[in-house]
Amino acid sequence: QVQLVESGGGLVQAGGSLRLSCVVSGSVTINAMAWYRQAPGKQRELVALISSDGGTSYAMSVKGRFTMSNDNAKKTVYLQMNSLKPEDTAVYYCNRFGTHYWGQGTQVTVSS
């Protein structure tokens, strides 16, 4: 059974930083992975994507502030979030890209 478990969310002031982690368990490789977020009343949006060889891409709204990385040996992906803004407030979800495997989400709240 495949499970994705996120951690690292919390409350931070604008300009602060947080690091999210997502651990993948089960008999799968982490392959391409993604972070999505969903703010209240809004659709879920793709924030960052990392391929199996480490190539990354980002939404324009977070480019230059967020960095996604992976540790294949630990089957873990990370999202380093710097210079956080109130509009980054959302539940952040980890996803094995292109599959129905999702984490439970972790709340990120940025106060102004």
Protein backbone atom coordinates (compact mmCIF):
# COMPACT_ATOMS: atom_id res chain seq x y z
CA GLN A 1 0.00 0.00 0.00
CA VAL A 2 1.37 3.39 -1.01
CA GLN A 3 1.20 6.22 1.50
CA LEU A 4 2.37 9.79 1.30
CA VAL A 5 2.79 11.66 4.58
CA GLU A 6 3.47 15.38 4.67
CA SER A 7 4.86 17.37 7.55
CA GLY A 8 6.37 20.75 8.26
CA GLY A 9 3.44 23.09 7.92
CA GLY A 10 2.62 25.76 10.46
CA LEU A 11 2.07 29.42 11.15
CA VAL A 12 4.74 31.88 10.05
CA GLN A 13 4.97 35.61 9.58
CA ALA A 14 5.29 37.14 6.14
CA GLY A 15 8.88 36.98 4.98
CA GLY A 16 9.54 33.81 6.94
CA SER A 17 10.41 30.32 5.81
CA LEU A 18 9.08 26.80 6.17
CA ARG A 19 10.27 23.44 4.90
CA LEU A 20 7.71 20.81 3.99
CA SER A 21 8.56 17.13 3.78
CA CYS A 22 6.73 14.26 2.14
CA VAL A 23 7.70 10.66 2.85
CA VAL A 24 6.59 7.98 0.44
CA SER A 25 6.08 4.49 1.82
CA GLY A 26 5.19 1.31 -0.01
CA SER A 27 6.74 -0.67 -2.82
CA VAL A 28 7.02 2.15 -5.34
CA THR A 29 9.76 4.46 -6.42
CA ILE A 30 9.08 8.11 -5.85
CA ASN A 31 9.46 8.86 -9.56
CA ALA A 32 8.10 12.28 -10.51
CA MET A 33 6.59 14.07 -7.53
CA ALA A 34 4.64 17.26 -7.10
CA TRP A 35 3.46 19.72 -4.49
CA TYR A 36 0.02 21.23 -4.87
CA ARG A 37 -1.82 23.71 -2.69
CA GLN A 38 -5.42 24.64 -2.13
CA ALA A 39 -6.53 27.86 -0.52
CA PRO A 40 -10.07 28.28 0.87
CA GLY A 41 -12.56 28.77 -1.93
CA LYS A 42 -9.97 28.15 -4.63
CA GLN A 43 -9.05 25.25 -6.87
CA ARG A 44 -6.07 23.08 -6.11
CA GLU A 45 -3.05 24.37 -8.00
CA LEU A 46 0.28 22.86 -8.95
CA VAL A 47 3.10 24.59 -7.09
CA ALA A 48 6.21 22.59 -7.92
CA LEU A 49 7.23 19.47 -9.77
CA ILE A 50 10.37 17.36 -9.69
CA SER A 51 11.26 14.62 -12.15
CA SER A 52 13.03 11.40 -11.24
CA ASP A 53 16.35 12.89 -12.40
CA GLY A 54 15.92 15.99 -10.26
CA GLY A 55 14.70 18.48 -12.83
CA THR A 56 12.26 20.98 -11.37
CA SER A 57 9.60 23.39 -12.49
CA TYR A 58 7.55 25.91 -10.53
CA ALA A 59 4.42 27.97 -10.71
CA MET A 60 5.17 31.57 -11.59
CA SER A 61 3.76 32.71 -8.27
CA VAL A 62 6.45 30.86 -6.29
CA LYS A 63 9.39 30.86 -8.69
CA GLY A 64 12.52 32.19 -7.02
CA ARG A 65 11.06 31.68 -3.54
CA PHE A 66 10.31 27.96 -3.36
CA THR A 67 12.71 25.09 -4.01
CA MET A 68 11.71 21.48 -4.42
CA SER A 69 14.20 18.69 -3.88
CA ASN A 70 14.25 14.94 -3.38
CA ASP A 71 16.18 12.30 -1.53
CA ASN A 72 15.54 9.06 -3.40
CA ALA A 73 17.29 6.95 -0.78
CA LYS A 74 14.89 8.25 1.86
CA LYS A 75 11.93 8.30 -0.55
CA THR A 76 11.32 11.84 0.58
CA VAL A 77 10.64 15.08 -1.24
CA TYR A 78 10.94 18.54 0.22
CA LEU A 79 9.59 21.99 -0.46
CA GLN A 80 11.69 24.80 0.92
CA MET A 81 9.54 27.92 1.06
CA ASN A 82 11.24 31.27 1.59
CA SER A 83 9.99 34.85 1.57
CA LEU A 84 6.51 33.61 2.36
CA LYS A 85 3.53 35.83 1.63
CA PRO A 86 0.00 35.81 3.05
CA GLU A 87 -1.24 34.61 -0.34
CA ASP A 88 0.81 31.43 0.14
CA THR A 89 -1.63 30.42 2.88
CA ALA A 90 -3.15 27.08 1.87
CA VAL A 91 -3.20 23.38 2.54
CA TYR A 92 -0.20 21.88 0.78
CA TYR A 93 -0.45 18.39 -0.68
CA CYS A 94 2.17 15.99 -1.90
CA ASN A 95 1.37 13.90 -4.97
CA ARG A 96 3.09 11.15 -6.89
CA PHE A 97 2.71 13.03 -10.13
CA GLY A 98 0.10 11.72 -12.50
CA THR A 99 -1.30 9.20 -10.04
CA HIS A 100 -4.04 9.11 -7.47
CA TYR A 101 -1.57 8.91 -4.62
CA TRP A 102 -1.96 11.97 -2.40
CA GLY A 103 -0.92 12.91 1.07
CA GLN A 104 -3.36 14.14 3.69
CA GLY A 105 -2.15 17.72 3.41
CA THR A 106 -0.37 20.10 5.75
CA GLN A 107 -1.63 23.57 6.60
CA VAL A 108 0.59 26.56 5.91
CA THR A 109 -0.60 29.89 7.28
CA VAL A 110 1.29 33.10 6.61
CA SER A 111 0.32 36.11 8.70
CA SER A 112 0.80 39.67 7.51
